[in-house]
């Protein structure tokens, strides 16, 4: 299923002008990223203009269509019950969204677990990284403006218990999950609109998909209350989630249905982290694949 994203004509013309004067496409991609464009989208924008100029075709007009596919399961919630049982707690369902298929949950984490995650993560925080679409390397970028770290899958007893709980709630195997990521957003920090599924536009993403399959869902756990701001927003559907300690947001975006098919993604899953207006925000994120997750270098 094609994904249509906004591609303003002034940005398109700026890209074309720089290409006409001989600028390297990789430098244009990096400039777009430094101004807040998601890496995969920046790469796709530049490639679209290069293709149009090379073949003397029309330039994109206000939008960019990215070819991808969506699973039939991507458009509806997985469960209907008002509570969900795990081995160690009863989780309450607060809200559901049909598209993207999303569920807002409470009582996913206890206060002590939230504090343990924050305390264990704090000394390991580093500037959040994105993948450079040209080199495939992890680089620090200002557009996210947060700090983060990853726990290894099953790193300790607390992580193991949380990972089992998540697997139960989303009805997927534990070993399909990537390592739990902790992100810290200080006052003023935000995350610009992006997709969590991997677009196979660079070697890093293609290699990751080949090892572990495509990302199919995201599970965000909120580790603290935020006095103002910091909502998780879905701009395509006009929905936002206020961060509350112990709550979690599960949303799905599908997967290619053919073996080895790297394409995936529900365009309605475009999401962002609104600026933190007061205080700080701590979240724990679990990305889940359609098969066993194999880390790079394993």
C-alpha atoms as a PDB file:
ATOM      1  CA  UNK A   1       0.000   0.000   0.000  1.00  0.00           C
ATOM      2  CA  UNK A   2       1.506   3.384  -0.966  1.00  0.00           C
ATOM      3  CA  UNK A   3       2.276   5.893   1.787  1.00  0.00           C
ATOM      4  CA  UNK A   4       1.595   9.525   0.847  1.00  0.00           C
ATOM      5  CA  UNK A   5       3.594  12.126   2.768  1.00  0.00           C
ATOM      6  CA  UNK A   6       3.704  15.900   2.493  1.00  0.00           C
ATOM      7  CA  UNK A   7       6.540  17.259   0.337  1.00  0.00           C
ATOM      8  CA  UNK A   8       6.304  21.040   0.126  1.00  0.00           C
ATOM      9  CA  UNK A   9       7.115  22.613  -3.229  1.00  0.00           C
ATOM     10  CA  UNK A  10       9.572  25.132  -1.708  1.00  0.00           C
ATOM     11  CA  UNK A  11      11.578  22.244  -0.242  1.00  0.00           C
ATOM     12  CA  UNK A  12      11.355  20.387  -3.562  1.00  0.00           C
ATOM     13  CA  UNK A  13      12.591  23.472  -5.431  1.00  0.00           C
ATOM     14  CA  UNK A  14      15.432  23.968  -2.946  1.00  0.00           C
ATOM     15  CA  UNK A  15      16.559  20.377  -3.509  1.00  0.00           C
ATOM     16  CA  UNK A  16      16.344  20.783  -7.299  1.00  0.00           C
ATOM     17  CA  UNK A  17      18.264  24.073  -7.204  1.00  0.00           C
ATOM     18  CA  UNK A  18      21.088  22.558  -5.187  1.00  0.00           C
ATOM     19  CA  UNK A  19      21.269  19.507  -7.447  1.00  0.00           C
ATOM     20  CA  UNK A  20      21.361  21.760 -10.519  1.00  0.00           C
ATOM     21  CA  UNK A  21      24.330  23.647  -9.138  1.00  0.00           C
ATOM     22  CA  UNK A  22      26.206  20.389  -8.560  1.00  0.00           C
ATOM     23  CA  UNK A  23      25.611  19.716  -4.857  1.00  0.00           C
ATOM     24  CA  UNK A  24      26.095  16.140  -3.679  1.00  0.00           C
ATOM     25  CA  UNK A  25      22.770  14.451  -2.925  1.00  0.00           C
ATOM     26  CA  UNK A  26      24.218  13.067   0.297  1.00  0.00           C
ATOM     27  CA  UNK A  27      24.949  16.577   1.543  1.00  0.00           C
ATOM     28  CA  UNK A  28      21.379  17.639   0.751  1.00  0.00           C
ATOM     29  CA  UNK A  29      20.018  14.664   2.702  1.00  0.00           C
ATOM     30  CA  UNK A  30      22.151  15.584   5.705  1.00  0.00           C
ATOM     31  CA  UNK A  31      20.991  19.206   5.536  1.00  0.00           C
ATOM     32  CA  UNK A  32      17.350  18.095   5.503  1.00  0.00           C
ATOM     33  CA  UNK A  33      18.014  15.848   8.496  1.00  0.00           C
ATOM     34  CA  UNK A  34      19.669  18.673  10.411  1.00  0.00           C
ATOM     35  CA  UNK A  35      16.467  20.680   9.951  1.00  0.00           C
ATOM     36  CA  UNK A  36      14.208  17.968  11.359  1.00  0.00           C
ATOM     37  CA  UNK A  37      13.355  15.690   8.431  1.00  0.00           C
ATOM     38  CA  UNK A  38      13.264  11.994   9.283  1.00  0.00           C
ATOM     39  CA  UNK A  39      16.290  10.254   7.677  1.00  0.00           C
ATOM     40  CA  UNK A  40      14.321   7.848   5.481  1.00  0.00           C
ATOM     41  CA  UNK A  41      12.036  10.632   4.254  1.00  0.00           C
ATOM     42  CA  UNK A  42      14.955  12.959   3.535  1.00  0.00           C
ATOM     43  CA  UNK A  43      16.583  10.263   1.454  1.00  0.00           C
ATOM     44  CA  UNK A  44      13.322   9.547  -0.406  1.00  0.00           C
ATOM     45  CA  UNK A  45      12.755  13.255  -1.134  1.00  0.00           C
ATOM     46  CA  UNK A  46      16.192  13.717  -2.657  1.00  0.00           C
ATOM     47  CA  UNK A  47      15.939  10.480  -4.639  1.00  0.00           C
ATOM     48  CA  UNK A  48      12.546  11.531  -6.049  1.00  0.00           C
ATOM     49  CA  UNK A  49      13.922  14.845  -7.300  1.00  0.00           C
ATOM     50  CA  UNK A  50      17.047  13.183  -8.724  1.00  0.00           C
ATOM     51  CA  UNK A  51      14.867  10.662 -10.575  1.00  0.00           C
ATOM     52  CA  UNK A  52      12.629  13.401 -12.018  1.00  0.00           C
ATOM     53  CA  UNK A  53      15.578  15.500 -13.188  1.00  0.00           C
ATOM     54  CA  UNK A  54      17.455  12.541 -14.627  1.00  0.00           C
ATOM     55  CA  UNK A  55      14.462  11.322 -16.636  1.00  0.00           C
ATOM     56  CA  UNK A  56      13.119  14.820 -17.411  1.00  0.00           C
ATOM     57  CA  UNK A  57       9.873  13.943 -15.726  1.00  0.00           C
ATOM     58  CA  UNK A  58       7.569  16.072 -13.550  1.00  0.00           C
ATOM     59  CA  UNK A  59       8.788  17.000 -10.106  1.00  0.00           C
ATOM     60  CA  UNK A  60       6.699  15.877  -7.101  1.00  0.00           C
ATOM     61  CA  UNK A  61       3.886  18.356  -6.485  1.00  0.00           C
ATOM     62  CA  UNK A  62       3.087  18.847  -2.810  1.00  0.00           C
ATOM     63  CA  UNK A  63       3.378  15.203  -1.872  1.00  0.00           C
ATOM     64  CA  UNK A  64       5.589  12.161  -2.161  1.00  0.00           C
ATOM     65  CA  UNK A  65       4.277   8.636  -2.655  1.00  0.00           C
ATOM     66  CA  UNK A  66       6.366   5.873  -1.075  1.00  0.00           C
ATOM     67  CA  UNK A  67       5.632   2.342  -2.220  1.00  0.00           C
ATOM     68  CA  UNK A  68       4.976  -0.032   0.677  1.00  0.00           C
ATOM     69  CA  UNK A  69       2.458  -2.636   1.795  1.00  0.00           C
ATOM     70  CA  UNK A  70       0.240  -3.068   4.817  1.00  0.00           C
ATOM     71  CA  UNK A  71      -0.847  -6.222   6.560  1.00  0.00           C
ATOM     72  CA  UNK A  72      -4.586  -6.970   6.617  1.00  0.00           C
ATOM     73  CA  UNK A  73      -4.279  -6.951  10.423  1.00  0.00           C
ATOM     74  CA  UNK A  74      -2.960  -3.393  10.510  1.00  0.00           C
ATOM     75  CA  UNK A  75      -6.390  -1.758  10.566  1.00  0.00           C
ATOM     76  CA  UNK A  76      -8.048  -3.109  13.699  1.00  0.00           C
ATOM     77  CA  UNK A  77      -7.271  -3.664  17.397  1.00  0.00           C
ATOM     78  CA  UNK A  78      -6.194  -7.137  18.441  1.00  0.00           C
ATOM     79  CA  UNK A  79      -8.502  -7.569  21.473  1.00  0.00           C
ATOM     80  CA  UNK A  80     -11.869  -6.462  22.804  1.00  0.00           C
ATOM     81  CA  UNK A  81     -11.678  -7.098  26.576  1.00  0.00           C
ATOM     82  CA  UNK A  82     -11.604  -4.212  29.062  1.00  0.00           C
ATOM     83  CA  UNK A  83      -8.855  -5.880  31.117  1.00  0.00           C
ATOM     84  CA  UNK A  84      -5.885  -8.043  30.152  1.00  0.00           C
ATOM     85  CA  UNK A  85      -4.211 -10.568  32.434  1.00  0.00           C
ATOM     86  CA  UNK A  86      -0.471 -11.224  32.573  1.00  0.00           C
ATOM     87  CA  UNK A  87       1.415 -13.561  34.894  1.00  0.00           C
ATOM     88  CA  UNK A  88       1.951 -10.825  37.470  1.00  0.00           C
ATOM     89  CA  UNK A  89      -0.660  -8.077  37.027  1.00  0.00           C
ATOM     90  CA  UNK A  90      -4.056  -7.098  35.683  1.00  0.00           C
ATOM     91  CA  UNK A  91      -3.815  -4.417  33.009  1.00  0.00           C
ATOM     92  CA  UNK A  92      -6.735  -2.109  32.244  1.00  0.00           C
ATOM     93  CA  UNK A  93      -7.684  -0.965  28.743  1.00  0.00           C
ATOM     94  CA  UNK A  94      -8.335   2.795  28.701  1.00  0.00           C
ATOM     95  CA  UNK A  95      -8.905   3.462  24.995  1.00  0.00           C
ATOM     96  CA  UNK A  96      -8.711   1.903  21.567  1.00  0.00           C
ATOM     97  CA  UNK A  97      -8.154   3.321  18.109  1.00  0.00           C
ATOM     98  CA  UNK A  98      -9.085   1.438  14.950  1.00  0.00           C
ATOM     99  CA  UNK A  99      -6.458   3.003  12.720  1.00  0.00           C
ATOM    100  CA  UNK A 100      -3.683   2.805  13.400  1.00  0.00           C
ATOM    101  CA  UNK A 101      -4.618  -0.234  15.469  1.00  0.00           C
ATOM    102  CA  UNK A 102      -3.782   1.109  18.924  1.00  0.00           C
ATOM    103  CA  UNK A 103      -4.555   0.361  22.565  1.00  0.00           C
ATOM    104  CA  UNK A 104      -3.924   2.612  25.562  1.00  0.00           C
ATOM    105  CA  UNK A 105      -3.297   0.632  28.754  1.00  0.00           C
ATOM    106  CA  UNK A 106      -2.895   1.406  32.458  1.00  0.00           C
ATOM    107  CA  UNK A 107      -1.173  -0.492  35.278  1.00  0.00           C
ATOM    108  CA  UNK A 108       1.426  -1.905  32.882  1.00  0.00           C
ATOM    109  CA  UNK A 109       4.322  -0.885  35.140  1.00  0.00           C
ATOM    110  CA  UNK A 110       4.442  -0.290  38.878  1.00  0.00           C
ATOM    111  CA  UNK A 111       6.051   2.782  40.448  1.00  0.00           C
ATOM    112  CA  UNK A 112       9.049   0.763  41.618  1.00  0.00           C
ATOM    113  CA  UNK A 113       9.628  -0.681  38.152  1.00  0.00           C
ATOM    114  CA  UNK A 114       9.519   2.797  36.620  1.00  0.00           C
ATOM    115  CA  UNK A 115      12.105   4.043  39.117  1.00  0.00           C
ATOM    116  CA  UNK A 116      14.307   0.996  38.559  1.00  0.00           C
ATOM    117  CA  UNK A 117      14.328   1.548  34.805  1.00  0.00           C
ATOM    118  CA  UNK A 118      15.154   5.243  35.149  1.00  0.00           C
ATOM    119  CA  UNK A 119      17.896   4.637  37.721  1.00  0.00           C
ATOM    120  CA  UNK A 120      19.515   1.860  35.687  1.00  0.00           C
ATOM    121  CA  UNK A 121      19.354   3.851  32.458  1.00  0.00           C
ATOM    122  CA  UNK A 122      20.498   7.261  33.719  1.00  0.00           C
ATOM    123  CA  UNK A 123      24.291   6.617  33.823  1.00  0.00           C
ATOM    124  CA  UNK A 124      24.164   4.975  30.384  1.00  0.00           C
ATOM    125  CA  UNK A 125      22.308   7.739  28.541  1.00  0.00           C
ATOM    126  CA  UNK A 126      23.835   9.106  25.357  1.00  0.00           C
ATOM    127  CA  UNK A 127      22.530  11.578  22.747  1.00  0.00           C
ATOM    128  CA  UNK A 128      19.808   9.778  20.786  1.00  0.00           C
ATOM    129  CA  UNK A 129      20.966   8.362  17.470  1.00  0.00           C
ATOM    130  CA  UNK A 130      19.431   7.979  14.040  1.00  0.00           C
ATOM    131  CA  UNK A 131      20.694   5.993  11.069  1.00  0.00           C
ATOM    132  CA  UNK A 132      22.375   8.083   8.374  1.00  0.00           C
ATOM    133  CA  UNK A 133      20.502   6.954   5.212  1.00  0.00           C
ATOM    134  CA  UNK A 134      23.644   7.194   3.085  1.00  0.00           C
ATOM    135  CA  UNK A 135      26.261   5.504   5.274  1.00  0.00           C
ATOM    136  CA  UNK A 136      24.007   3.368   7.460  1.00  0.00           C
ATOM    137  CA  UNK A 137      25.942   4.589  10.511  1.00  0.00           C
ATOM    138  CA  UNK A 138      24.355   5.701  13.798  1.00  0.00           C
ATOM    139  CA  UNK A 139      24.706   9.471  14.169  1.00  0.00           C
ATOM    140  CA  UNK A 140      23.481  12.001  16.739  1.00  0.00           C
ATOM    141  CA  UNK A 141      20.911  14.422  15.361  1.00  0.00           C
ATOM    142  CA  UNK A 142      19.202  17.459  16.834  1.00  0.00           C
ATOM    143  CA  UNK A 143      15.747  16.695  15.432  1.00  0.00           C
ATOM    144  CA  UNK A 144      14.987  14.237  18.247  1.00  0.00           C
ATOM    145  CA  UNK A 145      16.773  16.234  20.985  1.00  0.00           C
ATOM    146  CA  UNK A 146      16.558  13.451  23.565  1.00  0.00           C
ATOM    147  CA  UNK A 147      18.955  11.123  25.360  1.00  0.00           C
ATOM    148  CA  UNK A 148      18.674   7.361  25.217  1.00  0.00           C
ATOM    149  CA  UNK A 149      20.110   3.911  25.820  1.00  0.00           C
ATOM    150  CA  UNK A 150      19.252   0.276  25.146  1.00  0.00           C
ATOM    151  CA  UNK A 151      19.043  -2.645  27.536  1.00  0.00           C
ATOM    152  CA  UNK A 152      20.062  -5.951  26.040  1.00  0.00           C
ATOM    153  CA  UNK A 153      17.138  -8.375  25.627  1.00  0.00           C
ATOM    154  CA  UNK A 154      16.753 -10.222  28.933  1.00  0.00           C
ATOM    155  CA  UNK A 155      19.569  -8.186  30.501  1.00  0.00           C
ATOM    156  CA  UNK A 156      18.361  -8.641  34.087  1.00  0.00           C
ATOM    157  CA  UNK A 157      15.407  -9.971  36.073  1.00  0.00           C
ATOM    158  CA  UNK A 158      13.454  -6.701  35.886  1.00  0.00           C
ATOM    159  CA  UNK A 159      13.859  -6.512  32.109  1.00  0.00           C
ATOM    160  CA  UNK A 160      12.906 -10.174  31.725  1.00  0.00           C
ATOM    161  CA  UNK A 161       9.684  -9.702  33.699  1.00  0.00           C
ATOM    162  CA  UNK A 162       8.712  -6.621  31.690  1.00  0.00           C
ATOM    163  CA  UNK A 163       9.498  -8.322  28.387  1.00  0.00           C
ATOM    164  CA  UNK A 164       7.326 -11.317  29.296  1.00  0.00           C
ATOM    165  CA  UNK A 165       4.522  -8.953  30.271  1.00  0.00           C
ATOM    166  CA  UNK A 166       4.748  -7.064  26.983  1.00  0.00           C
ATOM    167  CA  UNK A 167       4.762 -10.312  24.998  1.00  0.00           C
ATOM    168  CA  UNK A 168       1.589 -11.409  26.769  1.00  0.00           C
ATOM    169  CA  UNK A 169      -0.156  -8.082  26.183  1.00  0.00           C
ATOM    170  CA  UNK A 170       0.639  -7.922  22.461  1.00  0.00           C
ATOM    171  CA  UNK A 171       0.354 -11.683  21.872  1.00  0.00           C
ATOM    172  CA  UNK A 172       3.784 -12.017  20.256  1.00  0.00           C
ATOM    173  CA  UNK A 173       6.859 -14.071  21.232  1.00  0.00           C
ATOM    174  CA  UNK A 174       9.367 -12.505  23.622  1.00  0.00           C
ATOM    175  CA  UNK A 175      12.262 -13.143  21.247  1.00  0.00           C
ATOM    176  CA  UNK A 176      10.672 -11.046  18.504  1.00  0.00           C
ATOM    177  CA  UNK A 177      11.356  -7.909  20.554  1.00  0.00           C
ATOM    178  CA  UNK A 178      14.340  -5.611  20.151  1.00  0.00           C
ATOM    179  CA  UNK A 179      16.202  -4.480  23.243  1.00  0.00           C
ATOM    180  CA  UNK A 180      14.191  -2.164  25.495  1.00  0.00           C
ATOM    181  CA  UNK A 181      15.062   1.464  24.788  1.00  0.00           C
ATOM    182  CA  UNK A 182      14.883   4.187  27.447  1.00  0.00           C
ATOM    183  CA  UNK A 183      14.499   7.765  26.240  1.00  0.00           C
ATOM    184  CA  UNK A 184      14.788  10.912  28.342  1.00  0.00           C
ATOM    185  CA  UNK A 185      13.315  14.176  27.065  1.00  0.00           C
ATOM    186  CA  UNK A 186      14.276  17.287  29.082  1.00  0.00           C
ATOM    187  CA  UNK A 187      12.177  20.454  28.949  1.00  0.00           C
ATOM    188  CA  UNK A 188      11.861  21.631  25.352  1.00  0.00           C
ATOM    189  CA  UNK A 189      12.808  18.299  23.799  1.00  0.00           C
ATOM    190  CA  UNK A 190      10.603  16.632  21.215  1.00  0.00           C
ATOM    191  CA  UNK A 191      10.511  13.977  18.523  1.00  0.00           C
ATOM    192  CA  UNK A 192       9.373  15.035  15.057  1.00  0.00           C
ATOM    193  CA  UNK A 193       6.843  12.965  13.025  1.00  0.00           C
ATOM    194  CA  UNK A 194       8.244   9.619  11.916  1.00  0.00           C
ATOM    195  CA  UNK A 195       7.435   5.983  11.225  1.00  0.00           C
ATOM    196  CA  UNK A 196       8.858   3.134  13.302  1.00  0.00           C
ATOM    197  CA  UNK A 197       8.821   0.542  10.533  1.00  0.00           C
ATOM    198  CA  UNK A 198      11.990   0.317   8.461  1.00  0.00           C
ATOM    199  CA  UNK A 199      12.049   1.610   4.911  1.00  0.00           C
ATOM    200  CA  UNK A 200      14.565  -0.428   2.866  1.00  0.00           C
ATOM    201  CA  UNK A 201      16.267   2.654   1.413  1.00  0.00           C
ATOM    202  CA  UNK A 202      19.760   2.063   2.814  1.00  0.00           C
ATOM    203  CA  UNK A 203      22.058  -0.858   3.504  1.00  0.00           C
ATOM    204  CA  UNK A 204      21.611  -0.654   7.288  1.00  0.00           C
ATOM    205  CA  UNK A 205      17.825  -1.051   7.057  1.00  0.00           C
ATOM    206  CA  UNK A 206      18.013  -3.733   4.369  1.00  0.00           C
ATOM    207  CA  UNK A 207      20.502  -5.727   6.453  1.00  0.00           C
ATOM    208  CA  UNK A 208      18.354  -5.349   9.578  1.00  0.00           C
ATOM    209  CA  UNK A 209      15.245  -6.556   7.728  1.00  0.00           C
ATOM    210  CA  UNK A 210      17.205  -9.496   6.294  1.00  0.00           C
ATOM    211  CA  UNK A 211      18.372 -10.523   9.794  1.00  0.00           C
ATOM    212  CA  UNK A 212      15.201 -10.000  11.790  1.00  0.00           C
ATOM    213  CA  UNK A 213      12.280  -9.197   9.534  1.00  0.00           C
ATOM    214  CA  UNK A 214      10.277  -5.982   9.579  1.00  0.00           C
ATOM    215  CA  UNK A 215       9.073  -4.062  12.624  1.00  0.00           C
ATOM    216  CA  UNK A 216       5.350  -4.685  13.064  1.00  0.00           C
ATOM    217  CA  UNK A 217       4.401  -2.876  16.276  1.00  0.00           C
ATOM    218  CA  UNK A 218       5.602  -0.498  18.974  1.00  0.00           C
ATOM    219  CA  UNK A 219       4.981  -0.619  22.737  1.00  0.00           C
ATOM    220  CA  UNK A 220       5.674   2.658  24.595  1.00  0.00           C
ATOM    221  CA  UNK A 221       5.649   2.717  28.402  1.00  0.00           C
ATOM    222  CA  UNK A 222       5.498   6.022  30.263  1.00  0.00           C
ATOM    223  CA  UNK A 223       7.802   6.120  33.286  1.00  0.00           C
ATOM    224  CA  UNK A 224       6.743   9.455  34.800  1.00  0.00           C
ATOM    225  CA  UNK A 225       3.962  12.029  34.788  1.00  0.00           C
ATOM    226  CA  UNK A 226       4.731  15.096  32.654  1.00  0.00           C
ATOM    227  CA  UNK A 227       3.273  18.379  34.021  1.00  0.00           C
ATOM    228  CA  UNK A 228       2.718  19.818  30.524  1.00  0.00           C
ATOM    229  CA  UNK A 229       3.417  18.652  26.991  1.00  0.00           C
ATOM    230  CA  UNK A 230       5.197  15.506  25.896  1.00  0.00           C
ATOM    231  CA  UNK A 231       2.138  13.839  24.361  1.00  0.00           C
ATOM    232  CA  UNK A 232       2.536  11.051  21.828  1.00  0.00           C
ATOM    233  CA  UNK A 233       0.686  12.429  18.803  1.00  0.00           C
ATOM    234  CA  UNK A 234      -0.669  10.824  15.627  1.00  0.00           C
ATOM    235  CA  UNK A 235      -0.997  13.751  13.193  1.00  0.00           C
ATOM    236  CA  UNK A 236      -2.686  11.732  10.441  1.00  0.00           C
ATOM    237  CA  UNK A 237      -5.652  10.864  12.683  1.00  0.00           C
ATOM    238  CA  UNK A 238      -5.690  13.744  15.175  1.00  0.00           C
ATOM    239  CA  UNK A 239      -5.094  11.633  18.289  1.00  0.00           C
ATOM    240  CA  UNK A 240      -2.723  12.230  21.194  1.00  0.00           C
ATOM    241  CA  UNK A 241      -1.805  10.354  24.364  1.00  0.00           C
ATOM    242  CA  UNK A 242      -0.868  12.185  27.564  1.00  0.00           C
ATOM    243  CA  UNK A 243       2.080  10.544  29.366  1.00  0.00           C
ATOM    244  CA  UNK A 244       1.108   9.026  32.723  1.00  0.00           C
ATOM    245  CA  UNK A 245       3.374   6.882  34.872  1.00  0.00           C
ATOM    246  CA  UNK A 246       2.656   3.189  34.435  1.00  0.00           C
ATOM    247  CA  UNK A 247       0.537   3.658  31.311  1.00  0.00           C
ATOM    248  CA  UNK A 248       1.502   2.159  27.954  1.00  0.00           C
ATOM    249  CA  UNK A 249       0.582   2.658  24.318  1.00  0.00           C
ATOM    250  CA  UNK A 250       0.613  -0.283  21.901  1.00  0.00           C
ATOM    251  CA  UNK A 251       0.176   0.400  18.197  1.00  0.00           C
ATOM    252  CA  UNK A 252       0.593  -1.764  15.127  1.00  0.00           C
ATOM    253  CA  UNK A 253       1.521  -0.980  11.543  1.00  0.00           C
ATOM    254  CA  UNK A 254       1.547  -4.370   9.852  1.00  0.00           C
ATOM    255  CA  UNK A 255       4.035  -6.382   7.850  1.00  0.00           C
ATOM    256  CA  UNK A 256       4.497  -7.730   4.355  1.00  0.00           C
ATOM    257  CA  UNK A 257       2.698 -11.048   4.058  1.00  0.00           C
ATOM    258  CA  UNK A 258       5.069 -12.790   1.624  1.00  0.00           C
ATOM    259  CA  UNK A 259       8.200 -14.540   2.992  1.00  0.00           C
ATOM    260  CA  UNK A 260      11.168 -12.221   2.698  1.00  0.00           C
ATOM    261  CA  UNK A 261       8.997  -9.253   1.743  1.00  0.00           C
ATOM    262  CA  UNK A 262      10.685  -6.153   3.256  1.00  0.00           C
ATOM    263  CA  UNK A 263       7.791  -3.757   2.683  1.00  0.00           C
ATOM    264  CA  UNK A 264       5.560  -2.777   5.572  1.00  0.00           C
ATOM    265  CA  UNK A 265       3.759   0.074   7.142  1.00  0.00           C
ATOM    266  CA  UNK A 266       0.423   1.688   7.882  1.00  0.00           C
ATOM    267  CA  UNK A 267       0.723   5.394   6.978  1.00  0.00           C
ATOM    268  CA  UNK A 268      -1.699   6.227   9.800  1.00  0.00           C
ATOM    269  CA  UNK A 269       1.029   5.150  12.254  1.00  0.00           C
ATOM    270  CA  UNK A 270       2.969   8.367  11.638  1.00  0.00           C
ATOM    271  CA  UNK A 271       3.630   9.691  15.143  1.00  0.00           C
ATOM    272  CA  UNK A 272       5.642  12.224  17.106  1.00  0.00           C
ATOM    273  CA  UNK A 273       6.559  13.301  20.604  1.00  0.00           C
ATOM    274  CA  UNK A 274       5.206  16.773  21.381  1.00  0.00           C
ATOM    275  CA  UNK A 275       7.627  19.213  23.044  1.00  0.00           C
ATOM    276  CA  UNK A 276       7.956  18.816  26.802  1.00  0.00           C
ATOM    277  CA  UNK A 277       6.680  22.150  28.133  1.00  0.00           C
ATOM    278  CA  UNK A 278       7.303  21.564  31.845  1.00  0.00           C
ATOM    279  CA  UNK A 279       9.410  19.011  33.660  1.00  0.00           C
ATOM    280  CA  UNK A 280      10.851  16.028  31.829  1.00  0.00           C
ATOM    281  CA  UNK A 281       9.635  12.862  30.123  1.00  0.00           C
ATOM    282  CA  UNK A 282      10.936   9.306  30.495  1.00  0.00           C
ATOM    283  CA  UNK A 283       9.671   6.488  28.282  1.00  0.00           C
ATOM    284  CA  UNK A 284      10.596   2.869  27.625  1.00  0.00           C
ATOM    285  CA  UNK A 285      10.029   1.639  24.070  1.00  0.00           C
ATOM    286  CA  UNK A 286       9.916  -1.889  22.710  1.00  0.00           C
ATOM    287  CA  UNK A 287       9.954  -2.409  18.931  1.00  0.00           C
ATOM    288  CA  UNK A 288       8.758  -5.831  17.823  1.00  0.00           C
ATOM    289  CA  UNK A 289       9.653  -7.724  14.623  1.00  0.00           C
ATOM    290  CA  UNK A 290       7.711 -10.256  12.597  1.00  0.00           C
ATOM    291  CA  UNK A 291      10.302 -12.914  13.440  1.00  0.00           C
ATOM    292  CA  UNK A 292      13.124 -13.525  15.942  1.00  0.00           C
ATOM    293  CA  UNK A 293      15.216 -10.377  16.495  1.00  0.00           C
ATOM    294  CA  UNK A 294      18.912 -10.832  15.693  1.00  0.00           C
ATOM    295  CA  UNK A 295      21.096  -7.870  16.784  1.00  0.00           C
ATOM    296  CA  UNK A 296      23.692  -6.434  14.441  1.00  0.00           C
ATOM    297  CA  UNK A 297      26.972  -8.297  14.829  1.00  0.00           C
ATOM    298  CA  UNK A 298      25.362 -11.331  16.461  1.00  0.00           C
END
